Amino acid sequence: MILSGREIERHLGHEISIEPFVKSRLNPNSYNLTLADELMVYDNHELDMKKENTGHLIKIPKEGYLLKPNTLYLGRTHEYTRTDCFVPMLEGRSSIGRLGLFIHVTAGFGDVGFNGYWTLEMFCVQPIRIYAGVEICQIYFHTVLGEADKYTHGKYQNNKGIQPSLLYKDFEKK
């Protein structure tokens, strides 16, 4: 089951945290999250799964920033979210998708217990100007059937900013 907007609000401060929370962004069954004021772009065109891939930050100016097609931009939500007993999921807003901007390529699924900012994998099909603070995506919450182990530590737990891929750490364990 997906929580209704009223249920999201009822669980705020307990099993769900969205900081900052603005009531006008609450929808019938989701909450709109906004884009922070910076992006990350990988330094190298060729990426290697087994190696750390570095990137550089781009500050989004007040007049916006023009995204180019065929470039992966990593952004993040302005909001920090936490959930103790629900599965958080992220989707792009239809108004954003209709402009040809994808805000998550594959990673729209969170784990029970995730705490942090959401890194957005942004890709556009044609040039588009974006702005910090725009309501870029929506978070919604699923209930879990049965007892669930909480995600308490991991590569992306309690992150503080944009997170490039940390897949290389999986290869270090082998």
Protein backbone atom coordinates (compact mmCIF):
# COMPACT_ATOMS: atom_id res chain seq x y z
CA MET A 1 0.00 0.00 0.00
CA ILE A 2 1.07 3.57 -0.66
CA LEU A 3 0.58 6.12 2.10
CA SER A 4 -1.86 8.91 1.38
CA GLY A 5 -0.75 12.50 1.81
CA ARG A 6 -2.69 12.65 5.06
CA GLU A 7 -0.86 9.54 6.32
CA ILE A 8 2.51 11.02 5.34
CA GLU A 9 1.65 14.12 7.36
CA ARG A 10 0.39 12.03 10.30
CA HIS A 11 3.69 10.11 10.49
CA LEU A 12 5.87 13.26 10.25
CA GLY A 13 8.13 13.66 13.24
CA HIS A 14 7.78 9.98 14.09
CA GLU A 15 8.34 7.33 11.40
CA ILE A 16 8.90 9.91 8.62
CA SER A 17 11.02 13.04 8.56
CA ILE A 18 11.22 15.55 5.69
CA GLU A 19 13.41 18.57 6.48
CA PRO A 20 12.43 21.17 5.63
CA PHE A 21 8.74 20.33 5.29
CA VAL A 22 6.40 22.73 3.44
CA LYS A 23 2.75 21.70 3.68
CA SER A 24 1.86 23.13 0.24
CA ARG A 25 4.12 20.47 -1.35
CA LEU A 26 2.04 17.64 0.09
CA ASN A 27 0.04 15.80 -2.59
CA PRO A 28 -2.79 13.24 -2.27
CA ASN A 29 -0.24 10.37 -2.06
CA SER A 30 3.25 11.95 -2.27
CA TYR A 31 5.36 14.96 -1.35
CA ASN A 32 7.25 17.18 -3.81
CA LEU A 33 10.99 17.49 -3.17
CA THR A 34 13.07 20.37 -4.52
CA LEU A 35 16.40 20.62 -6.32
CA ALA A 36 19.39 21.83 -4.30
CA ASP A 37 21.66 24.53 -5.74
CA GLU A 38 24.46 22.40 -7.14
CA LEU A 39 25.14 19.61 -9.62
CA MET A 40 28.00 17.18 -10.10
CA VAL A 41 29.42 16.05 -13.44
CA TYR A 42 31.93 13.22 -13.75
CA ASP A 43 35.43 14.34 -14.72
CA ASN A 44 36.00 11.55 -17.24
CA HIS A 45 33.81 10.58 -20.18
CA GLU A 46 34.72 6.91 -19.73
CA LEU A 47 33.69 5.54 -16.35
CA ASP A 48 34.97 2.32 -14.74
CA MET A 49 32.77 0.38 -12.30
CA LYS A 50 35.81 -0.97 -10.42
CA LYS A 51 37.35 2.46 -9.83
CA GLU A 52 36.39 5.60 -7.98
CA ASN A 53 35.00 8.05 -10.52
CA THR A 54 35.59 11.65 -9.53
CA GLY A 55 33.41 14.59 -10.42
CA HIS A 56 33.29 18.33 -10.04
CA LEU A 57 30.54 20.53 -8.64
CA ILE A 58 28.63 23.15 -10.60
CA LYS A 59 26.74 25.83 -8.70
CA ILE A 60 23.32 26.56 -10.21
CA PRO A 61 23.17 30.36 -10.61
CA LYS A 62 20.04 32.40 -9.96
CA GLU A 63 19.42 32.67 -13.73
CA GLY A 64 19.43 28.88 -14.00
CA TYR A 65 21.79 26.38 -15.59
CA LEU A 66 21.43 24.91 -19.08
CA LEU A 67 21.69 21.11 -19.13
CA LYS A 68 23.08 19.53 -22.28
CA PRO A 69 21.78 16.28 -23.80
CA ASN A 70 23.91 13.12 -23.50
CA THR A 71 25.49 14.25 -20.24
CA LEU A 72 24.73 12.72 -16.86
CA TYR A 73 24.27 15.31 -14.14
CA LEU A 74 24.05 14.28 -10.52
CA GLY A 75 21.92 16.56 -8.41
CA ARG A 76 20.37 16.19 -5.00
CA THR A 77 17.24 17.08 -3.17
CA HIS A 78 17.27 20.10 -0.92
CA GLU A 79 15.32 18.05 1.61
CA TYR A 80 16.82 15.48 3.97
CA THR A 81 14.47 12.54 4.48
CA ARG A 82 14.28 9.71 6.98
CA THR A 83 11.92 6.81 7.38
CA ASP A 84 11.97 4.09 10.01
CA CYS A 85 9.30 1.69 8.82
CA PHE A 86 8.26 2.59 5.27
CA VAL A 87 9.86 2.02 1.87
CA PRO A 88 10.60 5.45 0.35
CA MET A 89 10.38 5.75 -3.42
CA LEU A 90 11.17 8.62 -5.74
CA GLU A 91 9.58 9.55 -9.06
CA GLY A 92 9.94 12.49 -11.37
CA ARG A 93 7.06 14.91 -11.61
CA SER A 94 5.05 14.60 -14.81
CA SER A 95 5.59 18.30 -15.60
CA ILE A 96 9.36 17.72 -15.49
CA GLY A 97 9.17 14.53 -17.58
CA ARG A 98 7.10 16.30 -20.21
CA LEU A 99 10.04 18.65 -20.72
CA GLY A 100 12.28 15.66 -21.48
CA LEU A 101 14.17 15.73 -18.18
CA PHE A 102 14.62 12.43 -16.37
CA ILE A 103 15.51 12.85 -12.71
CA HIS A 104 16.42 9.26 -11.90
CA VAL A 105 17.81 6.85 -14.41
CA THR A 106 17.41 3.73 -12.26
CA ALA A 107 17.63 4.60 -8.57
CA GLY A 108 14.17 5.58 -7.42
CA PHE A 109 13.96 2.93 -4.70
CA GLY A 110 15.02 3.42 -1.08
CA ASP A 111 15.31 1.00 1.81
CA VAL A 112 13.41 0.95 5.08
CA GLY A 113 15.54 3.06 7.41
CA PHE A 114 17.19 5.25 4.74
CA ASN A 115 18.32 8.63 6.07
CA GLY A 116 19.79 11.23 3.76
CA TYR A 117 19.48 13.42 0.73
CA TRP A 118 18.40 11.81 -2.53
CA THR A 119 20.99 11.92 -5.30
CA LEU A 120 19.24 12.54 -8.61
CA GLU A 121 20.60 11.03 -11.85
CA MET A 122 19.52 13.74 -14.26
CA PHE A 123 19.52 13.29 -18.02
CA CYS A 124 17.79 15.39 -20.69
CA VAL A 125 16.77 14.66 -24.27
CA GLN A 126 17.17 18.27 -25.38
CA PRO A 127 18.74 21.34 -23.77
CA ILE A 128 16.77 22.53 -20.74
CA ARG A 129 17.37 25.31 -18.24
CA ILE A 130 16.93 24.22 -14.62
CA TYR A 131 16.71 26.22 -11.41
CA ALA A 132 17.58 25.56 -7.79
CA GLY A 133 14.48 25.23 -5.63
CA VAL A 134 12.23 23.85 -8.38
CA GLU A 135 9.91 21.05 -7.27
CA ILE A 136 11.78 18.40 -9.25
CA CYS A 137 10.47 15.06 -7.99
CA GLN A 138 8.10 13.42 -5.55
CA ILE A 139 8.66 10.98 -2.73
CA TYR A 140 6.07 8.44 -1.72
CA PHE A 141 6.03 5.70 0.87
CA HIS A 142 5.04 2.03 0.74
CA THR A 143 4.11 -0.04 3.74
CA VAL A 144 6.07 -3.23 4.37
CA LEU A 145 4.42 -6.61 4.88
CA GLY A 146 6.13 -8.53 7.68
CA GLU A 147 9.13 -7.64 9.79
CA ALA A 148 11.82 -5.72 7.95
CA ASP A 149 15.47 -5.16 8.77
CA LYS A 150 16.29 -1.47 8.72
CA TYR A 151 18.98 -0.09 6.46
CA THR A 152 21.21 1.33 9.17
CA HIS A 153 24.56 1.58 7.43
CA GLY A 154 25.77 1.41 3.88
CA LYS A 155 27.46 3.35 1.14
CA TYR A 156 24.82 6.04 0.92
CA GLN A 157 23.31 6.13 4.42
CA ASN A 158 23.41 9.51 6.22
CA ASN A 159 24.98 11.22 3.19
CA LYS A 160 25.60 14.95 3.29
CA GLY A 161 25.59 15.88 -0.38
CA ILE A 162 25.64 14.61 -3.94
CA GLN A 163 26.89 11.03 -4.00
CA PRO A 164 28.71 9.76 -7.08
CA SER A 165 28.59 6.01 -7.61
CA LEU A 166 30.35 4.06 -4.88
CA LEU A 167 30.00 0.76 -6.73
CA TYR A 168 33.79 0.35 -6.72
CA LYS A 169 33.56 -0.42 -2.98
CA ASP A 170 31.64 -3.60 -3.79
CA PHE A 171 34.65 -4.84 -5.80
CA GLU A 172 36.98 -4.09 -2.89
CA LYS A 173 35.06 -6.59 -0.72
CA LYS A 174 35.71 -9.47 -3.13
